[in-house]
Every structure is written in structure tokens, then in C-alpha cells.
Amino acid sequence: MRLNGMLHFDQFILSTSSALNINIGALPPLTVVLFRRDKDYTPYKLLRPNGQVAPIAGQFARRATWSVVGMARDSDNEELERTIHHEATHWLMSVDQERRAWSRRAGVLIHQGRTCSR
């Protein structure tokens, strides 16, 4: 990710947190780990119940004092930007239990092709 990509990322965080009235100071710090290639990232990907590696582009984890996004950077710039914004949205929505529950419900409904309102 180049410098202008990081500026774009910061703009995404600031504009989304402002639009959703999220205090980013209430969130644990976020670290983004970019692996050079997908094959370098593969050992860190989630496993399916059958033990196979999940076909994911990125993942987010949050603990009380830290948060992390992991992903490979070998995809095209548009895909990379979509993935980092998707994972950052998990971080933003993890600010409280109510938002986490709403975002899980919204994600399921959107995945099913339906709309929802808060």
C-alpha cells in the first residue's frame, strides 16, 4: 500500500467514524499487517471446520487492548482497498455491543440480498 493509499485509508476511517458518530478514541489501537503475497498470509488465515484454509482476503481480530487486520497486498489496488475498508469497518463497528449486534444482523441481511434499518 502506497502513501496515498494510507491517506485514503485515514480518510475512510475519519469520514466513516464521523458519519456513524463513532468515537475512535474508544477503540483499541489498530495494527494493519500486510503480507507481501497471499501465500505468505495463508498460514495465518482462519481454518474451516474440515481443517481447510478459508478462502478469505483479510481478517480482523479485536482484544481489549489491541486490534489487528491481516491481509495480503498482492491483489490489485481496488481489491486491496475494498478489503482494507471492509476489515476496518469491523474495527469501527466493534466500538460497542449494540453496534456489533446490528452490524452482524446487517451483514447477514445484505449477504442475503435484503435491506435493513437500525
C-alpha atoms as a PDB file:
ATOM      1  CA  MET A   1       0.000   0.000   0.000  1.00  0.00           C
ATOM      2  CA  ARG A   2       1.490   3.304  -1.044  1.00  0.00           C
ATOM      3  CA  LEU A   3       1.410   6.553   0.915  1.00  0.00           C
ATOM      4  CA  ASN A   4      -1.666   7.871  -0.932  1.00  0.00           C
ATOM      5  CA  GLY A   5      -3.382   4.553  -0.138  1.00  0.00           C
ATOM      6  CA  MET A   6      -2.702   5.125   3.557  1.00  0.00           C
ATOM      7  CA  LEU A   7      -4.034   8.677   3.301  1.00  0.00           C
ATOM      8  CA  HIS A   8      -7.140   7.263   1.635  1.00  0.00           C
ATOM      9  CA  PHE A   9      -7.414   4.746   4.494  1.00  0.00           C
ATOM     10  CA  ASP A  10      -7.185   7.532   7.090  1.00  0.00           C
ATOM     11  CA  GLN A  11      -9.858   9.484   5.209  1.00  0.00           C
ATOM     12  CA  PHE A  12     -12.082   6.405   5.177  1.00  0.00           C
ATOM     13  CA  ILE A  13     -11.664   5.931   8.945  1.00  0.00           C
ATOM     14  CA  LEU A  14     -12.326   9.588   9.729  1.00  0.00           C
ATOM     15  CA  SER A  15     -15.303  10.024   7.400  1.00  0.00           C
ATOM     16  CA  THR A  16     -16.951   6.719   8.367  1.00  0.00           C
ATOM     17  CA  SER A  17     -16.470   7.271  12.091  1.00  0.00           C
ATOM     18  CA  SER A  18     -17.887  10.783  11.723  1.00  0.00           C
ATOM     19  CA  ALA A  19     -20.901   9.620   9.698  1.00  0.00           C
ATOM     20  CA  LEU A  20     -21.673   6.849  12.211  1.00  0.00           C
ATOM     21  CA  ASN A  21     -20.849   9.006  15.244  1.00  0.00           C
ATOM     22  CA  ILE A  22     -18.122   6.625  16.428  1.00  0.00           C
ATOM     23  CA  ASN A  23     -15.510   7.837  18.893  1.00  0.00           C
ATOM     24  CA  ILE A  24     -12.381   6.167  17.515  1.00  0.00           C
ATOM     25  CA  GLY A  25     -10.603   7.065  20.755  1.00  0.00           C
ATOM     26  CA  ALA A  26     -12.811   4.465  22.467  1.00  0.00           C
ATOM     27  CA  LEU A  27     -11.414   1.706  20.242  1.00  0.00           C
ATOM     28  CA  PRO A  28      -8.229  -0.234  20.930  1.00  0.00           C
ATOM     29  CA  PRO A  29      -5.364   0.697  18.593  1.00  0.00           C
ATOM     30  CA  LEU A  30      -5.480  -0.939  15.169  1.00  0.00           C
ATOM     31  CA  THR A  31      -2.436  -2.549  13.572  1.00  0.00           C
ATOM     32  CA  VAL A  32      -2.584  -3.477   9.884  1.00  0.00           C
ATOM     33  CA  VAL A  33      -0.317  -6.345   8.841  1.00  0.00           C
ATOM     34  CA  LEU A  34       0.230  -6.507   5.081  1.00  0.00           C
ATOM     35  CA  PHE A  35       1.830  -9.684   3.808  1.00  0.00           C
ATOM     36  CA  ARG A  36       3.731  -9.427   0.526  1.00  0.00           C
ATOM     37  CA  ARG A  37       1.859 -12.321  -1.097  1.00  0.00           C
ATOM     38  CA  ASP A  38      -1.238 -14.362  -0.363  1.00  0.00           C
ATOM     39  CA  LYS A  39       0.907 -17.469   0.106  1.00  0.00           C
ATOM     40  CA  ASP A  40       2.793 -15.634   2.895  1.00  0.00           C
ATOM     41  CA  TYR A  41      -0.545 -14.787   4.545  1.00  0.00           C
ATOM     42  CA  THR A  42      -2.054 -18.279   4.160  1.00  0.00           C
ATOM     43  CA  PRO A  43      -0.518 -19.766   7.371  1.00  0.00           C
ATOM     44  CA  TYR A  44      -2.385 -17.093   9.366  1.00  0.00           C
ATOM     45  CA  LYS A  45      -5.808 -17.498   7.715  1.00  0.00           C
ATOM     46  CA  LEU A  46      -8.759 -18.973   9.531  1.00  0.00           C
ATOM     47  CA  LEU A  47      -9.397 -22.675   9.156  1.00  0.00           C
ATOM     48  CA  ARG A  48     -12.749 -24.184   8.245  1.00  0.00           C
ATOM     49  CA  PRO A  49     -14.181 -26.946  10.453  1.00  0.00           C
ATOM     50  CA  ASN A  50     -12.780 -29.501   7.983  1.00  0.00           C
ATOM     51  CA  GLY A  51      -9.255 -28.130   8.516  1.00  0.00           C
ATOM     52  CA  GLN A  52      -9.020 -26.446   5.110  1.00  0.00           C
ATOM     53  CA  VAL A  53      -7.844 -22.844   4.855  1.00  0.00           C
ATOM     54  CA  ALA A  54     -10.751 -20.424   4.462  1.00  0.00           C
ATOM     55  CA  PRO A  55     -10.677 -18.531   1.135  1.00  0.00           C
ATOM     56  CA  ILE A  56     -10.537 -15.053   2.671  1.00  0.00           C
ATOM     57  CA  ALA A  57      -8.868 -11.848   1.544  1.00  0.00           C
ATOM     58  CA  GLY A  58      -8.404 -10.449   5.063  1.00  0.00           C
ATOM     59  CA  GLN A  59      -9.381 -10.849   8.672  1.00  0.00           C
ATOM     60  CA  PHE A  60      -9.921  -8.738  11.762  1.00  0.00           C
ATOM     61  CA  ALA A  61      -9.336  -9.567  15.425  1.00  0.00           C
ATOM     62  CA  ARG A  62     -10.023  -7.456  18.485  1.00  0.00           C
ATOM     63  CA  ARG A  63      -8.942  -7.826  22.067  1.00  0.00           C
ATOM     64  CA  ALA A  64      -9.385  -5.439  24.988  1.00  0.00           C
ATOM     65  CA  THR A  65      -6.111  -3.590  24.374  1.00  0.00           C
ATOM     66  CA  TRP A  66      -5.372  -4.174  20.682  1.00  0.00           C
ATOM     67  CA  SER A  67      -6.890  -4.850  17.266  1.00  0.00           C
ATOM     68  CA  VAL A  68      -5.319  -6.232  14.117  1.00  0.00           C
ATOM     69  CA  VAL A  69      -6.146  -6.622  10.450  1.00  0.00           C
ATOM     70  CA  GLY A  70      -4.185  -9.162   8.434  1.00  0.00           C
ATOM     71  CA  MET A  71      -4.201  -9.425   4.646  1.00  0.00           C
ATOM     72  CA  ALA A  72      -2.041  -9.913   1.581  1.00  0.00           C
ATOM     73  CA  ARG A  73      -1.134  -6.981  -0.636  1.00  0.00           C
ATOM     74  CA  ASP A  74      -0.643  -8.849  -3.901  1.00  0.00           C
ATOM     75  CA  SER A  75      -4.155  -8.168  -5.194  1.00  0.00           C
ATOM     76  CA  ASP A  76      -4.939  -5.217  -7.459  1.00  0.00           C
ATOM     77  CA  ASN A  77      -5.329  -1.808  -5.841  1.00  0.00           C
ATOM     78  CA  GLU A  78      -9.134  -1.784  -5.989  1.00  0.00           C
ATOM     79  CA  GLU A  79      -9.399  -5.195  -4.331  1.00  0.00           C
ATOM     80  CA  LEU A  80      -6.826  -4.202  -1.718  1.00  0.00           C
ATOM     81  CA  GLU A  81      -8.744  -1.022  -0.939  1.00  0.00           C
ATOM     82  CA  ARG A  82     -12.077  -2.878  -0.687  1.00  0.00           C
ATOM     83  CA  THR A  83     -10.570  -5.450   1.638  1.00  0.00           C
ATOM     84  CA  ILE A  84      -8.853  -2.964   3.946  1.00  0.00           C
ATOM     85  CA  HIS A  85     -12.025  -0.853   4.151  1.00  0.00           C
ATOM     86  CA  HIS A  86     -14.118  -3.949   4.865  1.00  0.00           C
ATOM     87  CA  GLU A  87     -11.807  -5.050   7.681  1.00  0.00           C
ATOM     88  CA  ALA A  88     -11.572  -1.500   9.061  1.00  0.00           C
ATOM     89  CA  THR A  89     -15.376  -1.402   9.203  1.00  0.00           C
ATOM     90  CA  HIS A  90     -15.259  -4.422  11.524  1.00  0.00           C
ATOM     91  CA  TRP A  91     -12.922  -2.417  13.759  1.00  0.00           C
ATOM     92  CA  LEU A  92     -15.167   0.649  13.729  1.00  0.00           C
ATOM     93  CA  MET A  93     -18.316  -1.355  14.409  1.00  0.00           C
ATOM     94  CA  SER A  94     -16.664  -3.173  17.311  1.00  0.00           C
ATOM     95  CA  VAL A  95     -16.930   0.004  19.385  1.00  0.00           C
ATOM     96  CA  ASP A  96     -19.841  -1.362  21.438  1.00  0.00           C
ATOM     97  CA  GLN A  97     -22.118  -4.394  21.799  1.00  0.00           C
ATOM     98  CA  GLU A  98     -25.156  -2.729  20.224  1.00  0.00           C
ATOM     99  CA  ARG A  99     -23.262  -1.802  17.066  1.00  0.00           C
ATOM    100  CA  ARG A 100     -21.657  -5.258  16.867  1.00  0.00           C
ATOM    101  CA  ALA A 101     -25.081  -6.916  17.061  1.00  0.00           C
ATOM    102  CA  TRP A 102     -26.537  -4.514  14.476  1.00  0.00           C
ATOM    103  CA  SER A 103     -23.608  -4.906  12.092  1.00  0.00           C
ATOM    104  CA  ARG A 104     -23.785  -8.719  12.291  1.00  0.00           C
ATOM    105  CA  ARG A 105     -27.514  -8.580  11.501  1.00  0.00           C
ATOM    106  CA  ALA A 106     -26.952  -6.064   8.686  1.00  0.00           C
ATOM    107  CA  GLY A 107     -24.164  -8.197   7.239  1.00  0.00           C
ATOM    108  CA  VAL A 108     -26.384 -11.279   7.170  1.00  0.00           C
ATOM    109  CA  LEU A 109     -29.267  -9.389   5.572  1.00  0.00           C
ATOM    110  CA  ILE A 110     -27.039  -7.742   2.996  1.00  0.00           C
ATOM    111  CA  HIS A 111     -25.454 -11.107   2.204  1.00  0.00           C
ATOM    112  CA  GLN A 112     -28.972 -12.488   1.679  1.00  0.00           C
ATOM    113  CA  GLY A 113     -29.777  -9.583  -0.663  1.00  0.00           C
ATOM    114  CA  ARG A 114     -32.183  -7.856   1.714  1.00  0.00           C
ATOM    115  CA  THR A 115     -32.044  -4.427   3.282  1.00  0.00           C
ATOM    116  CA  CYS A 116     -32.296  -3.463   6.928  1.00  0.00           C
ATOM    117  CA  SER A 117     -32.687  -0.402   9.086  1.00  0.00           C
ATOM    118  CA  ARG A 118     -31.312   0.158  12.523  1.00  0.00           C
END
